[in-house]
Amino acid sequence: MTPWALRWAARALRAGGLVAYPTEAVWGLGCNPADPVAVFELLELKQRHPEKGLILVAADLAQLRPWIAPLSKEARTKVLASWPGPVTWLVPAAPACPYWLTGAHETLAVRVTAHPVAAALCRAWGGALVSTSANPAARRPARSALAVRRYFGERLDAILAGPTGGAARPSAIRDLASGRVLRQS
């Protein structure tokens, strides 16, 4: 990933575009979480139902604060012990968090990524991004830029080059309130 490519992807996000980038295990699709047109375009591209909700990925906890309710000291300690890394937490959504992110839930799925390209994109963009696996519904997640291109062709505004982090499975998903593990990594 070059600095030019990173600036190009950040500009695409600011313009309401969709961007693909490598994450810890698979390629992700991202967009501006505050832009409902971009989010619904992403959902249509993936053939994903809005009620499922989406994940936000960030470079640090501060980028997630506009989207989540304040965490207790104990909850923050628990979450930060697994970040940055491939653990997605279901946390209480901020009251103003839009339904196109939470879906039919009162929680929001969030992660602070350890992947250098995904984290650099969040820093260049200036905040958290919608992050969902780069695949149409019921298809295997893309594990390469070539697979992303095969799935989506020219429908993306930017594809950031780079390898995935090498994890065998997508991030674990844990519920902060119950402690349940909803998906193993």
Protein backbone atom coordinates (compact mmCIF):
# COMPACT_ATOMS: atom_id res chain seq x y z
CA MET A 1 0.00 0.00 0.00
CA THR A 2 1.43 3.33 -1.03
CA PRO A 3 0.67 6.69 0.60
CA TRP A 4 -0.96 7.72 -2.67
CA ALA A 5 -3.28 4.69 -2.63
CA LEU A 6 -4.21 5.41 0.97
CA ARG A 7 -5.09 9.05 0.17
CA TRP A 8 -7.08 7.88 -2.86
CA ALA A 9 -9.09 5.41 -0.74
CA ALA A 10 -9.74 8.05 1.95
CA ARG A 11 -10.99 10.48 -0.74
CA ALA A 12 -13.27 7.77 -2.09
CA LEU A 13 -14.75 7.28 1.39
CA ARG A 14 -15.30 11.03 1.81
CA ALA A 15 -17.13 11.04 -1.55
CA GLY A 16 -19.50 8.27 -0.45
CA GLY A 17 -17.58 5.44 -2.08
CA LEU A 18 -16.99 1.80 -1.23
CA VAL A 19 -13.49 0.55 -0.50
CA ALA A 20 -12.02 -2.95 -0.19
CA TYR A 21 -9.01 -3.63 2.03
CA PRO A 22 -7.27 -6.56 3.74
CA THR A 23 -8.03 -7.37 7.38
CA GLU A 24 -6.73 -9.94 9.85
CA ALA A 25 -8.26 -12.95 8.02
CA VAL A 26 -10.24 -11.89 4.95
CA TRP A 27 -10.78 -8.86 2.75
CA GLY A 28 -13.25 -6.30 3.99
CA LEU A 29 -15.62 -3.85 2.35
CA GLY A 30 -15.92 -0.47 3.99
CA CYS A 31 -17.70 2.83 3.75
CA ASN A 32 -18.57 5.91 5.79
CA PRO A 33 -20.88 4.69 8.58
CA ALA A 34 -22.66 8.08 8.69
CA ASP A 35 -23.60 7.93 4.99
CA PRO A 36 -26.83 5.92 4.58
CA VAL A 37 -26.57 5.96 0.78
CA ALA A 38 -23.10 4.36 0.92
CA VAL A 39 -24.17 1.85 3.59
CA PHE A 40 -27.23 0.74 1.64
CA GLU A 41 -25.16 0.50 -1.56
CA LEU A 42 -22.75 -1.77 0.33
CA LEU A 43 -25.63 -3.88 1.66
CA GLU A 44 -27.07 -4.21 -1.84
CA LEU A 45 -23.68 -5.16 -3.25
CA LYS A 46 -23.34 -7.91 -0.64
CA GLN A 47 -27.01 -8.90 -0.86
CA ARG A 48 -27.12 -8.55 2.93
CA HIS A 49 -30.30 -7.78 4.86
CA PRO A 50 -30.08 -4.51 6.86
CA GLU A 51 -31.60 -6.13 9.98
CA LYS A 52 -28.40 -8.12 10.52
CA GLY A 53 -26.42 -5.01 11.44
CA LEU A 54 -22.83 -4.25 10.55
CA ILE A 55 -19.39 -4.12 12.14
CA LEU A 56 -17.41 -0.92 12.58
CA VAL A 57 -13.63 -1.17 12.49
CA ALA A 58 -11.32 1.51 13.87
CA ALA A 59 -7.68 2.30 14.52
CA ASP A 60 -8.40 3.08 18.19
CA LEU A 61 -11.22 3.30 20.72
CA ALA A 62 -11.58 7.07 20.25
CA GLN A 63 -12.77 6.51 16.66
CA LEU A 64 -15.62 4.33 17.97
CA ARG A 65 -16.84 6.68 20.70
CA PRO A 66 -19.38 8.56 18.52
CA TRP A 67 -21.10 5.25 17.76
CA ILE A 68 -21.18 3.47 21.13
CA ALA A 69 -22.62 4.21 24.55
CA PRO A 70 -20.06 5.08 27.23
CA LEU A 71 -18.43 1.94 28.63
CA SER A 72 -17.88 1.33 32.33
CA LYS A 73 -14.27 1.13 33.47
CA GLU A 74 -14.62 -2.64 33.85
CA ALA A 75 -16.13 -3.05 30.37
CA ARG A 76 -13.49 -0.80 28.79
CA THR A 77 -10.71 -2.82 30.47
CA LYS A 78 -12.22 -6.08 29.18
CA VAL A 79 -12.56 -4.81 25.62
CA LEU A 80 -9.17 -3.11 25.49
CA ALA A 81 -7.46 -6.30 26.70
CA SER A 82 -8.32 -7.87 23.32
CA TRP A 83 -7.51 -4.85 21.14
CA PRO A 84 -6.00 -4.14 18.77
CA GLY A 85 -6.78 -7.53 17.37
CA PRO A 86 -9.25 -9.85 15.69
CA VAL A 87 -11.99 -9.63 18.34
CA THR A 88 -15.29 -7.93 17.56
CA TRP A 89 -17.40 -6.91 20.56
CA LEU A 90 -21.15 -6.32 20.69
CA VAL A 91 -21.45 -3.21 22.85
CA PRO A 92 -24.39 -0.92 23.62
CA ALA A 93 -24.96 1.45 20.71
CA ALA A 94 -25.05 5.19 21.30
CA PRO A 95 -28.62 6.55 21.36
CA ALA A 96 -28.01 8.38 18.07
CA CYS A 97 -26.44 5.36 16.33
CA PRO A 98 -28.43 4.83 13.11
CA TYR A 99 -30.44 1.68 12.48
CA TRP A 100 -28.53 1.01 9.27
CA LEU A 101 -25.56 0.09 11.51
CA THR A 102 -27.30 -1.71 14.39
CA GLY A 103 -29.94 -3.48 12.34
CA ALA A 104 -32.53 -5.07 14.61
CA HIS A 105 -30.21 -4.87 17.63
CA GLU A 106 -29.57 -2.49 20.53
CA THR A 107 -25.87 -3.27 20.29
CA LEU A 108 -23.23 -2.38 17.74
CA ALA A 109 -20.44 -4.71 16.62
CA VAL A 110 -17.06 -2.93 16.90
CA ARG A 111 -13.39 -3.80 16.57
CA VAL A 112 -10.07 -2.02 16.85
CA THR A 113 -8.02 -3.69 14.17
CA ALA A 114 -4.41 -4.78 14.41
CA HIS A 115 -4.11 -5.01 10.63
CA PRO A 116 -1.75 -2.26 9.44
CA VAL A 117 -3.63 -1.49 6.19
CA ALA A 118 -7.08 -1.40 7.79
CA ALA A 119 -5.79 0.73 10.69
CA ALA A 120 -3.97 3.10 8.31
CA LEU A 121 -7.16 3.50 6.28
CA CYS A 122 -9.13 4.41 9.41
CA ARG A 123 -6.46 6.97 10.38
CA ALA A 124 -6.32 8.45 6.85
CA TRP A 125 -10.11 8.59 6.65
CA GLY A 126 -10.29 10.03 10.17
CA GLY A 127 -12.66 7.61 11.87
CA ALA A 128 -14.31 4.25 12.09
CA LEU A 129 -15.48 2.45 8.96
CA VAL A 130 -18.21 -0.01 8.21
CA SER A 131 -16.33 -3.28 7.82
CA THR A 132 -17.94 -6.38 6.42
CA SER A 133 -16.42 -9.32 4.63
CA ALA A 134 -15.87 -8.82 0.91
CA ASN A 135 -18.26 -11.38 -0.51
CA PRO A 136 -21.83 -11.64 -1.73
CA ALA A 137 -24.19 -13.37 0.73
CA ALA A 138 -23.65 -17.14 1.00
CA ARG A 139 -20.28 -16.97 -0.82
CA ARG A 140 -16.83 -17.46 0.70
CA PRO A 141 -15.14 -14.26 1.92
CA ALA A 142 -12.46 -12.95 -0.44
CA ARG A 143 -8.91 -13.71 0.66
CA SER A 144 -7.18 -11.74 -2.11
CA ALA A 145 -7.59 -8.57 -4.15
CA LEU A 146 -8.19 -10.78 -7.19
CA ALA A 147 -11.13 -12.49 -5.45
CA VAL A 148 -12.54 -9.05 -4.56
CA ARG A 149 -12.32 -8.02 -8.22
CA ARG A 150 -13.99 -11.25 -9.33
CA TYR A 151 -16.88 -10.69 -6.94
CA PHE A 152 -17.43 -6.99 -7.48
CA GLY A 153 -15.62 -5.90 -10.64
CA GLU A 154 -15.81 -2.14 -11.12
CA ARG A 155 -18.49 -1.57 -8.47
CA LEU A 156 -15.88 -0.53 -5.88
CA ASP A 157 -14.27 2.89 -5.76
CA ALA A 158 -10.93 1.71 -4.38
CA ILE A 159 -9.09 -1.50 -3.53
CA LEU A 160 -6.12 -1.12 -1.17
CA ALA A 161 -3.38 -3.62 -1.89
CA GLY A 162 -1.84 -5.80 0.80
CA PRO A 163 -1.95 -9.26 2.31
CA THR A 164 -4.43 -10.34 4.93
CA GLY A 165 -3.09 -10.91 8.42
CA GLY A 166 -3.02 -14.66 7.92
CA ALA A 167 -5.72 -15.63 10.43
CA ALA A 168 -7.62 -18.73 9.37
CA ARG A 169 -11.05 -17.40 10.34
CA PRO A 170 -12.73 -13.98 10.57
CA SER A 171 -12.69 -12.16 13.91
CA ALA A 172 -14.29 -13.67 16.98
CA ILE A 173 -17.53 -12.00 18.01
CA ARG A 174 -18.23 -11.61 21.73
CA ASP A 175 -21.19 -10.10 23.53
CA LEU A 176 -20.00 -7.66 26.18
CA ALA A 177 -23.14 -7.89 28.32
CA SER A 178 -23.39 -11.69 28.51
CA GLY A 179 -19.78 -12.69 27.84
CA ARG A 180 -20.99 -15.18 25.23
CA VAL A 181 -18.78 -15.98 22.26
CA LEU A 182 -21.03 -15.79 19.18
CA ARG A 183 -18.30 -16.66 16.66
CA GLN A 184 -14.90 -18.21 17.29
CA SER A 185 -11.88 -16.88 15.44
